[in-house]
Amino acid sequence: MNVNLQGKTAVVVGVEGGLGKAVAVHFASHGCSVAVLGKNQEKLDEITRECIRHGLDSKQVLAVECYLQVESDVENALSQISDKLGPMHILVNCAVEISYGRLSELAPSAVIDAMQVNTMTTAMATKAAVSYLEKTEGVVINISCSCAHRTSPSLVAFGMAMSSINYFTQSTALELAPKGVRINAVSPSFNVFESLLEPPPTEIYEEPRQAPLNQPPPTVDDVLKTISFLVSDESRFITGEIICVDNGLHTAKVPI
């Protein structure tokens, strides 16, 4: 598919986890102006340089340090982006932080952290972006995980957060459809997120061999291609969908 993002501006929220950086650089390589939001200025600057290396002019990239769970911070960041990069066309919520733990190990703080880092960030960024996106009939992509569809006793808090992102995606898609704003979610296989961890976990999740599609596990590149489709005009009739990039494991109800 030929992706043409020339003349558009994308805001990528939560770039410290790795997938957000990949999304930002991917958009940059297709000529899309990019703004990255996060709490680590050093990482933001690194991503900015990478976007410039992939073809953007320095005036087409903006890094804004802010606390993603603070509504006023996100609102101020989007205002800066609008002033410097122009109208917003795309919002990608990539603030995903894996948390491991079974019910027997579950602390209240683990649930609070999972919901704040993952769900709260997605919700607040989307809310703040609506007034900008309705002017361009823009697109929101939320990053979820296929573990929201596949049970795993060792991912209780993380799975709860991902499930809430899916619900948020579908409910807000109905609310914002009359404004011309589309909202979809991409749910990669768990191995995609683990492949981006630094340092990598001691035991990497291996995709079960009984996956309906008998092919290698999906990669970050597969996720980027799915996002490209969903932000393009080719998907203009699609909203409120949760697209799992996991070789069909969620359909087969294969546990993690």
C-alpha atoms as a PDB file:
ATOM      1  CA  MET A   1       0.000   0.000   0.000  1.00  0.00           C
ATOM      2  CA  ASN A   2       1.276   3.439  -0.934  1.00  0.00           C
ATOM      3  CA  VAL A   3       1.139   5.622   2.174  1.00  0.00           C
ATOM      4  CA  ASN A   4       1.238   9.344   1.483  1.00  0.00           C
ATOM      5  CA  LEU A   5       1.351  11.442   4.640  1.00  0.00           C
ATOM      6  CA  GLN A   6       2.847  14.551   3.034  1.00  0.00           C
ATOM      7  CA  GLY A   7       1.329  17.714   4.465  1.00  0.00           C
ATOM      8  CA  LYS A   8      -0.084  15.990   7.546  1.00  0.00           C
ATOM      9  CA  THR A   9       0.875  16.298  11.187  1.00  0.00           C
ATOM     10  CA  ALA A  10       0.919  13.409  13.635  1.00  0.00           C
ATOM     11  CA  VAL A  11       1.168  13.584  17.415  1.00  0.00           C
ATOM     12  CA  VAL A  12       2.681  10.499  19.051  1.00  0.00           C
ATOM     13  CA  VAL A  13       2.051  10.233  22.787  1.00  0.00           C
ATOM     14  CA  GLY A  14       4.254   8.103  25.020  1.00  0.00           C
ATOM     15  CA  VAL A  15       7.415   7.416  23.042  1.00  0.00           C
ATOM     16  CA  GLU A  16       9.649   6.070  25.798  1.00  0.00           C
ATOM     17  CA  GLY A  17       8.457   2.481  25.458  1.00  0.00           C
ATOM     18  CA  GLY A  18       9.943   1.872  22.014  1.00  0.00           C
ATOM     19  CA  LEU A  19       6.836   1.413  19.895  1.00  0.00           C
ATOM     20  CA  GLY A  20       6.104   5.147  20.027  1.00  0.00           C
ATOM     21  CA  LYS A  21       9.582   5.890  18.719  1.00  0.00           C
ATOM     22  CA  ALA A  22       9.080   3.400  15.886  1.00  0.00           C
ATOM     23  CA  VAL A  23       5.751   5.030  14.983  1.00  0.00           C
ATOM     24  CA  ALA A  24       7.252   8.531  14.980  1.00  0.00           C
ATOM     25  CA  VAL A  25      10.185   7.539  12.768  1.00  0.00           C
ATOM     26  CA  HIS A  26       7.874   5.588  10.458  1.00  0.00           C
ATOM     27  CA  PHE A  27       5.658   8.632   9.952  1.00  0.00           C
ATOM     28  CA  ALA A  28       8.709  10.825   9.420  1.00  0.00           C
ATOM     29  CA  SER A  29       9.945   8.503   6.672  1.00  0.00           C
ATOM     30  CA  HIS A  30       6.629   9.088   4.863  1.00  0.00           C
ATOM     31  CA  GLY A  31       6.921  12.869   5.004  1.00  0.00           C
ATOM     32  CA  CYS A  32       4.545  13.449   7.920  1.00  0.00           C
ATOM     33  CA  SER A  33       5.369  16.241  10.369  1.00  0.00           C
ATOM     34  CA  VAL A  34       5.742  14.695  13.814  1.00  0.00           C
ATOM     35  CA  ALA A  35       5.333  15.869  17.399  1.00  0.00           C
ATOM     36  CA  VAL A  36       6.393  13.534  20.194  1.00  0.00           C
ATOM     37  CA  LEU A  37       5.168  13.791  23.772  1.00  0.00           C
ATOM     38  CA  GLY A  38       6.754  12.174  26.812  1.00  0.00           C
ATOM     39  CA  LYS A  39       8.375  12.814  30.162  1.00  0.00           C
ATOM     40  CA  ASN A  40      12.006  12.088  29.242  1.00  0.00           C
ATOM     41  CA  GLN A  41      13.554  15.015  27.368  1.00  0.00           C
ATOM     42  CA  GLU A  42      16.685  13.045  26.491  1.00  0.00           C
ATOM     43  CA  LYS A  43      14.626  10.370  24.760  1.00  0.00           C
ATOM     44  CA  LEU A  44      12.494  12.984  23.032  1.00  0.00           C
ATOM     45  CA  ASP A  45      15.579  14.695  21.642  1.00  0.00           C
ATOM     46  CA  GLU A  46      16.934  11.344  20.438  1.00  0.00           C
ATOM     47  CA  ILE A  47      13.701  10.621  18.569  1.00  0.00           C
ATOM     48  CA  THR A  48      13.694  14.116  17.085  1.00  0.00           C
ATOM     49  CA  ARG A  49      17.164  13.540  15.646  1.00  0.00           C
ATOM     50  CA  GLU A  50      16.064  10.171  14.275  1.00  0.00           C
ATOM     51  CA  CYS A  51      13.050  11.727  12.536  1.00  0.00           C
ATOM     52  CA  ILE A  52      15.329  14.316  10.917  1.00  0.00           C
ATOM     53  CA  ARG A  53      17.658  11.533   9.756  1.00  0.00           C
ATOM     54  CA  HIS A  54      14.650   9.924   8.076  1.00  0.00           C
ATOM     55  CA  GLY A  55      13.891  12.929   5.921  1.00  0.00           C
ATOM     56  CA  LEU A  56      12.136  15.625   7.935  1.00  0.00           C
ATOM     57  CA  ASP A  57      13.270  19.201   8.186  1.00  0.00           C
ATOM     58  CA  SER A  58      13.976  20.374  11.734  1.00  0.00           C
ATOM     59  CA  LYS A  59      10.904  22.639  11.479  1.00  0.00           C
ATOM     60  CA  GLN A  60       8.720  19.579  10.892  1.00  0.00           C
ATOM     61  CA  VAL A  61       9.563  17.892  14.211  1.00  0.00           C
ATOM     62  CA  LEU A  62       8.669  18.995  17.713  1.00  0.00           C
ATOM     63  CA  ALA A  63       9.424  17.352  21.054  1.00  0.00           C
ATOM     64  CA  VAL A  64       7.342  18.394  24.049  1.00  0.00           C
ATOM     65  CA  GLU A  65       8.140  17.206  27.551  1.00  0.00           C
ATOM     66  CA  CYS A  66       5.053  16.884  29.721  1.00  0.00           C
ATOM     67  CA  TYR A  67       3.319  14.733  32.325  1.00  0.00           C
ATOM     68  CA  LEU A  68       0.941  12.672  30.252  1.00  0.00           C
ATOM     69  CA  GLN A  69      -1.506  11.996  33.083  1.00  0.00           C
ATOM     70  CA  VAL A  70      -1.961  15.724  33.806  1.00  0.00           C
ATOM     71  CA  GLU A  71      -4.723  17.107  31.610  1.00  0.00           C
ATOM     72  CA  SER A  72      -3.480  20.708  31.627  1.00  0.00           C
ATOM     73  CA  ASP A  73       0.027  19.583  30.618  1.00  0.00           C
ATOM     74  CA  VAL A  74      -1.310  17.667  27.627  1.00  0.00           C
ATOM     75  CA  GLU A  75      -3.559  20.570  26.624  1.00  0.00           C
ATOM     76  CA  ASN A  76      -0.623  22.999  26.738  1.00  0.00           C
ATOM     77  CA  ALA A  77       1.515  20.592  24.715  1.00  0.00           C
ATOM     78  CA  LEU A  78      -1.121  20.290  21.973  1.00  0.00           C
ATOM     79  CA  SER A  79      -1.467  24.067  21.871  1.00  0.00           C
ATOM     80  CA  GLN A  80       2.284  24.378  21.280  1.00  0.00           C
ATOM     81  CA  ILE A  81       2.117  21.765  18.546  1.00  0.00           C
ATOM     82  CA  SER A  82      -0.743  23.551  16.800  1.00  0.00           C
ATOM     83  CA  ASP A  83       1.151  26.850  16.887  1.00  0.00           C
ATOM     84  CA  LYS A  84       4.400  25.391  15.521  1.00  0.00           C
ATOM     85  CA  LEU A  85       3.356  22.532  13.216  1.00  0.00           C
ATOM     86  CA  GLY A  86      -0.143  23.542  12.162  1.00  0.00           C
ATOM     87  CA  PRO A  87      -3.357  21.485  12.097  1.00  0.00           C
ATOM     88  CA  MET A  88      -3.289  18.025  13.663  1.00  0.00           C
ATOM     89  CA  HIS A  89      -4.412  15.090  11.521  1.00  0.00           C
ATOM     90  CA  ILE A  90      -3.304  12.029  13.494  1.00  0.00           C
ATOM     91  CA  LEU A  91      -3.014  11.114  17.162  1.00  0.00           C
ATOM     92  CA  VAL A  92      -1.316   7.859  18.165  1.00  0.00           C
ATOM     93  CA  ASN A  93      -1.524   6.885  21.825  1.00  0.00           C
ATOM     94  CA  CYS A  94       1.516   4.681  22.481  1.00  0.00           C
ATOM     95  CA  ALA A  95       1.880   5.000  26.245  1.00  0.00           C
ATOM     96  CA  VAL A  96       2.144   1.279  26.958  1.00  0.00           C
ATOM     97  CA  GLU A  97       4.016  -0.033  29.976  1.00  0.00           C
ATOM     98  CA  ILE A  98       4.053  -3.770  30.668  1.00  0.00           C
ATOM     99  CA  SER A  99       3.466  -4.897  34.233  1.00  0.00           C
ATOM    100  CA  TYR A 100       3.773  -8.514  35.308  1.00  0.00           C
ATOM    101  CA  GLY A 101       2.025 -10.121  38.260  1.00  0.00           C
ATOM    102  CA  ARG A 102      -0.581 -12.670  39.296  1.00  0.00           C
ATOM    103  CA  LEU A 103      -3.559 -12.080  41.593  1.00  0.00           C
ATOM    104  CA  SER A 104      -1.630 -13.479  44.560  1.00  0.00           C
ATOM    105  CA  GLU A 105       1.052 -10.837  43.985  1.00  0.00           C
ATOM    106  CA  LEU A 106      -1.288  -7.976  43.119  1.00  0.00           C
ATOM    107  CA  ALA A 107      -0.871  -4.723  45.028  1.00  0.00           C
ATOM    108  CA  PRO A 108      -3.241  -1.743  44.734  1.00  0.00           C
ATOM    109  CA  SER A 109      -0.344   0.342  43.397  1.00  0.00           C
ATOM    110  CA  ALA A 110       0.140  -2.090  40.492  1.00  0.00           C
ATOM    111  CA  VAL A 111      -3.457  -1.624  39.358  1.00  0.00           C
ATOM    112  CA  ILE A 112      -3.296   2.156  39.790  1.00  0.00           C
ATOM    113  CA  ASP A 113      -0.012   2.399  37.866  1.00  0.00           C
ATOM    114  CA  ALA A 114      -1.251   0.207  35.008  1.00  0.00           C
ATOM    115  CA  MET A 115      -4.429   2.221  34.615  1.00  0.00           C
ATOM    116  CA  GLN A 116      -2.712   5.600  34.914  1.00  0.00           C
ATOM    117  CA  VAL A 117       0.191   4.937  32.564  1.00  0.00           C
ATOM    118  CA  ASN A 118      -1.837   3.099  29.935  1.00  0.00           C
ATOM    119  CA  THR A 119      -5.520   4.034  30.148  1.00  0.00           C
ATOM    120  CA  MET A 120      -5.422   7.479  31.741  1.00  0.00           C
ATOM    121  CA  THR A 121      -2.821   8.742  29.276  1.00  0.00           C
ATOM    122  CA  THR A 122      -4.817   7.464  26.304  1.00  0.00           C
ATOM    123  CA  ALA A 123      -8.042   8.990  27.585  1.00  0.00           C
ATOM    124  CA  MET A 124      -6.634  12.415  28.479  1.00  0.00           C
ATOM    125  CA  ALA A 125      -4.634  12.793  25.260  1.00  0.00           C
ATOM    126  CA  THR A 126      -7.667  11.875  23.160  1.00  0.00           C
ATOM    127  CA  LYS A 127      -9.933  14.255  25.050  1.00  0.00           C
ATOM    128  CA  ALA A 128      -7.455  17.115  24.625  1.00  0.00           C
ATOM    129  CA  ALA A 129      -6.999  16.389  20.907  1.00  0.00           C
ATOM    130  CA  VAL A 130     -10.663  16.315  19.864  1.00  0.00           C
ATOM    131  CA  SER A 131     -11.004  20.055  19.248  1.00  0.00           C
ATOM    132  CA  TYR A 132      -8.016  19.889  16.884  1.00  0.00           C
ATOM    133  CA  LEU A 133      -8.938  16.654  15.112  1.00  0.00           C
ATOM    134  CA  GLU A 134     -12.519  17.622  14.351  1.00  0.00           C
ATOM    135  CA  LYS A 135     -11.191  20.512  12.237  1.00  0.00           C
ATOM    136  CA  THR A 136      -9.305  18.076   9.994  1.00  0.00           C
ATOM    137  CA  GLU A 137     -11.601  15.032  10.356  1.00  0.00           C
ATOM    138  CA  GLY A 138      -8.581  13.346  11.850  1.00  0.00           C
ATOM    139  CA  VAL A 139      -7.747   9.886  13.105  1.00  0.00           C
ATOM    140  CA  VAL A 140      -6.879   8.442  16.503  1.00  0.00           C
ATOM    141  CA  ILE A 141      -4.977   5.176  16.896  1.00  0.00           C
ATOM    142  CA  ASN A 142      -4.830   3.650  20.357  1.00  0.00           C
ATOM    143  CA  ILE A 143      -2.256   0.971  21.088  1.00  0.00           C
ATOM    144  CA  SER A 144      -3.660  -1.960  23.013  1.00  0.00           C
ATOM    145  CA  CYS A 145      -2.440  -5.566  23.290  1.00  0.00           C
ATOM    146  CA  SER A 146      -3.935  -8.871  22.230  1.00  0.00           C
ATOM    147  CA  CYS A 147      -3.667 -10.008  25.856  1.00  0.00           C
ATOM    148  CA  ALA A 148      -6.928  -8.083  26.328  1.00  0.00           C
ATOM    149  CA  HIS A 149      -8.540 -10.901  24.309  1.00  0.00           C
ATOM    150  CA  ARG A 150      -6.414 -13.765  25.666  1.00  0.00           C
ATOM    151  CA  THR A 151      -6.331 -14.673  29.327  1.00  0.00           C
ATOM    152  CA  SER A 152      -3.072 -14.644  31.249  1.00  0.00           C
ATOM    153  CA  PRO A 153      -2.872 -15.069  35.034  1.00  0.00           C
ATOM    154  CA  SER A 154       0.539 -13.384  35.044  1.00  0.00           C
ATOM    155  CA  LEU A 155      -0.674 -10.157  33.379  1.00  0.00           C
ATOM    156  CA  VAL A 156      -3.656  -9.228  35.549  1.00  0.00           C
ATOM    157  CA  ALA A 157      -3.139  -5.470  35.885  1.00  0.00           C
ATOM    158  CA  PHE A 158      -1.746  -5.006  32.362  1.00  0.00           C
ATOM    159  CA  GLY A 159      -4.593  -7.013  30.813  1.00  0.00           C
ATOM    160  CA  MET A 160      -7.151  -4.938  32.712  1.00  0.00           C
ATOM    161  CA  ALA A 161      -5.625  -1.739  31.366  1.00  0.00           C
ATOM    162  CA  MET A 162      -5.549  -3.031  27.789  1.00  0.00           C
ATOM    163  CA  SER A 163      -9.180  -4.161  28.012  1.00  0.00           C
ATOM    164  CA  SER A 164     -10.178  -0.698  29.196  1.00  0.00           C
ATOM    165  CA  ILE A 165      -8.398   0.877  26.214  1.00  0.00           C
ATOM    166  CA  ASN A 166     -10.454  -1.323  23.892  1.00  0.00           C
ATOM    167  CA  TYR A 167     -13.686  -0.242  25.565  1.00  0.00           C
ATOM    168  CA  PHE A 168     -12.586   3.389  25.461  1.00  0.00           C
ATOM    169  CA  THR A 169     -11.808   3.075  21.747  1.00  0.00           C
ATOM    170  CA  GLN A 170     -15.217   1.715  20.825  1.00  0.00           C
ATOM    171  CA  SER A 171     -17.269   4.056  23.013  1.00  0.00           C
ATOM    172  CA  THR A 172     -15.443   7.199  21.908  1.00  0.00           C
ATOM    173  CA  ALA A 173     -15.616   6.113  18.271  1.00  0.00           C
ATOM    174  CA  LEU A 174     -19.408   6.328  18.505  1.00  0.00           C
ATOM    175  CA  GLU A 175     -19.283   9.697  20.249  1.00  0.00           C
ATOM    176  CA  LEU A 176     -16.877  11.300  17.785  1.00  0.00           C
ATOM    177  CA  ALA A 177     -18.149   9.785  14.529  1.00  0.00           C
ATOM    178  CA  PRO A 178     -20.594  12.702  13.944  1.00  0.00           C
ATOM    179  CA  LYS A 179     -17.579  15.055  14.139  1.00  0.00           C
ATOM    180  CA  GLY A 180     -15.820  13.068  11.403  1.00  0.00           C
ATOM    181  CA  VAL A 181     -13.119  11.773  13.775  1.00  0.00           C
ATOM    182  CA  ARG A 182     -12.235   8.082  13.466  1.00  0.00           C
ATOM    183  CA  ILE A 183     -10.835   6.073  16.390  1.00  0.00           C
ATOM    184  CA  ASN A 184      -9.413   2.563  16.129  1.00  0.00           C
ATOM    185  CA  ALA A 185      -7.046   0.441  18.183  1.00  0.00           C
ATOM    186  CA  VAL A 186      -4.176  -1.797  17.150  1.00  0.00           C
ATOM    187  CA  SER A 187      -3.529  -4.763  19.450  1.00  0.00           C
ATOM    188  CA  PRO A 188      -0.157  -6.377  18.793  1.00  0.00           C
ATOM    189  CA  SER A 189       0.870  -9.777  20.062  1.00  0.00           C
ATOM    190  CA  PHE A 190       2.599  -9.685  23.443  1.00  0.00           C
ATOM    191  CA  ASN A 191       5.931 -10.655  21.857  1.00  0.00           C
ATOM    192  CA  VAL A 192       6.023  -7.305  20.009  1.00  0.00           C
ATOM    193  CA  PHE A 193       6.109  -5.373  23.275  1.00  0.00           C
ATOM    194  CA  GLU A 194       8.669  -7.671  24.882  1.00  0.00           C
ATOM    195  CA  SER A 195      10.929  -7.296  21.844  1.00  0.00           C
ATOM    196  CA  LEU A 196      11.163  -3.576  22.625  1.00  0.00           C
ATOM    197  CA  LEU A 197      12.050  -3.847  26.303  1.00  0.00           C
ATOM    198  CA  GLU A 198      15.450  -2.585  27.447  1.00  0.00           C
ATOM    199  CA  PRO A 199      16.953  -4.687  28.873  1.00  0.00           C
ATOM    200  CA  PRO A 200      15.031  -7.640  27.384  1.00  0.00           C
ATOM    201  CA  PRO A 201      13.292  -9.974  29.842  1.00  0.00           C
ATOM    202  CA  THR A 202      15.149 -13.097  30.938  1.00  0.00           C
ATOM    203  CA  GLU A 203      12.392 -15.267  29.465  1.00  0.00           C
ATOM    204  CA  ILE A 204      10.985 -14.046  26.165  1.00  0.00           C
ATOM    205  CA  TYR A 205       7.363 -14.928  25.406  1.00  0.00           C
ATOM    206  CA  GLU A 206       7.175 -17.422  22.558  1.00  0.00           C
ATOM    207  CA  GLU A 207       4.091 -17.474  20.393  1.00  0.00           C
ATOM    208  CA  PRO A 208       2.281 -20.848  20.554  1.00  0.00           C
ATOM    209  CA  ARG A 209       2.671 -23.075  17.545  1.00  0.00           C
ATOM    210  CA  GLN A 210      -1.087 -23.595  17.343  1.00  0.00           C
ATOM    211  CA  ALA A 211      -1.589 -20.069  16.002  1.00  0.00           C
ATOM    212  CA  PRO A 212      -4.202 -20.162  13.197  1.00  0.00           C
ATOM    213  CA  LEU A 213      -1.748 -18.508  10.806  1.00  0.00           C
ATOM    214  CA  ASN A 214       1.256 -20.800  10.621  1.00  0.00           C
ATOM    215  CA  GLN A 215       3.882 -18.153  10.069  1.00  0.00           C
ATOM    216  CA  PRO A 216       6.518 -16.297  12.121  1.00  0.00           C
ATOM    217  CA  PRO A 217       5.279 -14.110  14.980  1.00  0.00           C
ATOM    218  CA  PRO A 218       4.382 -10.512  14.066  1.00  0.00           C
ATOM    219  CA  THR A 219       7.032  -7.826  14.344  1.00  0.00           C
ATOM    220  CA  VAL A 220       7.057  -4.092  14.998  1.00  0.00           C
ATOM    221  CA  ASP A 221       7.071  -3.573  11.229  1.00  0.00           C
ATOM    222  CA  ASP A 222       3.789  -5.496  10.937  1.00  0.00           C
ATOM    223  CA  VAL A 223       2.258  -3.202  13.539  1.00  0.00           C
ATOM    224  CA  LEU A 224       3.490  -0.110  11.680  1.00  0.00           C
ATOM    225  CA  LYS A 225       1.926  -1.326   8.427  1.00  0.00           C
ATOM    226  CA  THR A 226      -1.404  -1.798  10.205  1.00  0.00           C
ATOM    227  CA  ILE A 227      -1.230   1.699  11.670  1.00  0.00           C
ATOM    228  CA  SER A 228      -0.385   3.117   8.240  1.00  0.00           C
ATOM    229  CA  PHE A 229      -3.519   1.550   6.799  1.00  0.00           C
ATOM    230  CA  LEU A 230      -5.739   2.839   9.595  1.00  0.00           C
ATOM    231  CA  VAL A 231      -4.520   6.447   9.281  1.00  0.00           C
ATOM    232  CA  SER A 232      -4.839   6.427   5.494  1.00  0.00           C
ATOM    233  CA  ASP A 233      -7.855   7.287   3.374  1.00  0.00           C
ATOM    234  CA  GLU A 234      -8.000   3.607   2.432  1.00  0.00           C
ATOM    235  CA  SER A 235      -9.675   2.981   5.811  1.00  0.00           C
ATOM    236  CA  ARG A 236     -12.041   5.957   5.764  1.00  0.00           C
ATOM    237  CA  PHE A 237     -15.065   3.756   6.531  1.00  0.00           C
ATOM    238  CA  ILE A 238     -13.448   2.041   9.534  1.00  0.00           C
ATOM    239  CA  THR A 239     -13.948   3.259  13.106  1.00  0.00           C
ATOM    240  CA  GLY A 240     -14.366   1.636  16.508  1.00  0.00           C
ATOM    241  CA  GLU A 241     -12.382  -1.437  15.491  1.00  0.00           C
ATOM    242  CA  ILE A 242      -9.783  -3.353  17.488  1.00  0.00           C
ATOM    243  CA  ILE A 243      -7.293  -4.805  15.002  1.00  0.00           C
ATOM    244  CA  CYS A 244      -5.281  -7.663  16.509  1.00  0.00           C
ATOM    245  CA  VAL A 245      -1.868  -8.260  14.970  1.00  0.00           C
ATOM    246  CA  ASP A 246      -1.239 -11.688  16.491  1.00  0.00           C
ATOM    247  CA  ASN A 247      -1.524 -14.431  13.839  1.00  0.00           C
ATOM    248  CA  GLY A 248      -5.145 -15.009  14.862  1.00  0.00           C
ATOM    249  CA  LEU A 249      -4.349 -16.181  18.391  1.00  0.00           C
ATOM    250  CA  HIS A 250      -7.089 -14.019  19.886  1.00  0.00           C
ATOM    251  CA  THR A 251      -9.664 -15.708  17.665  1.00  0.00           C
ATOM    252  CA  ALA A 252      -8.461 -19.156  18.697  1.00  0.00           C
ATOM    253  CA  LYS A 253      -8.653 -18.049  22.367  1.00  0.00           C
ATOM    254  CA  VAL A 254      -5.124 -19.325  22.948  1.00  0.00           C
ATOM    255  CA  PRO A 255      -3.982 -18.156  26.414  1.00  0.00           C
ATOM    256  CA  ILE A 256      -0.727 -16.313  26.943  1.00  0.00           C
END
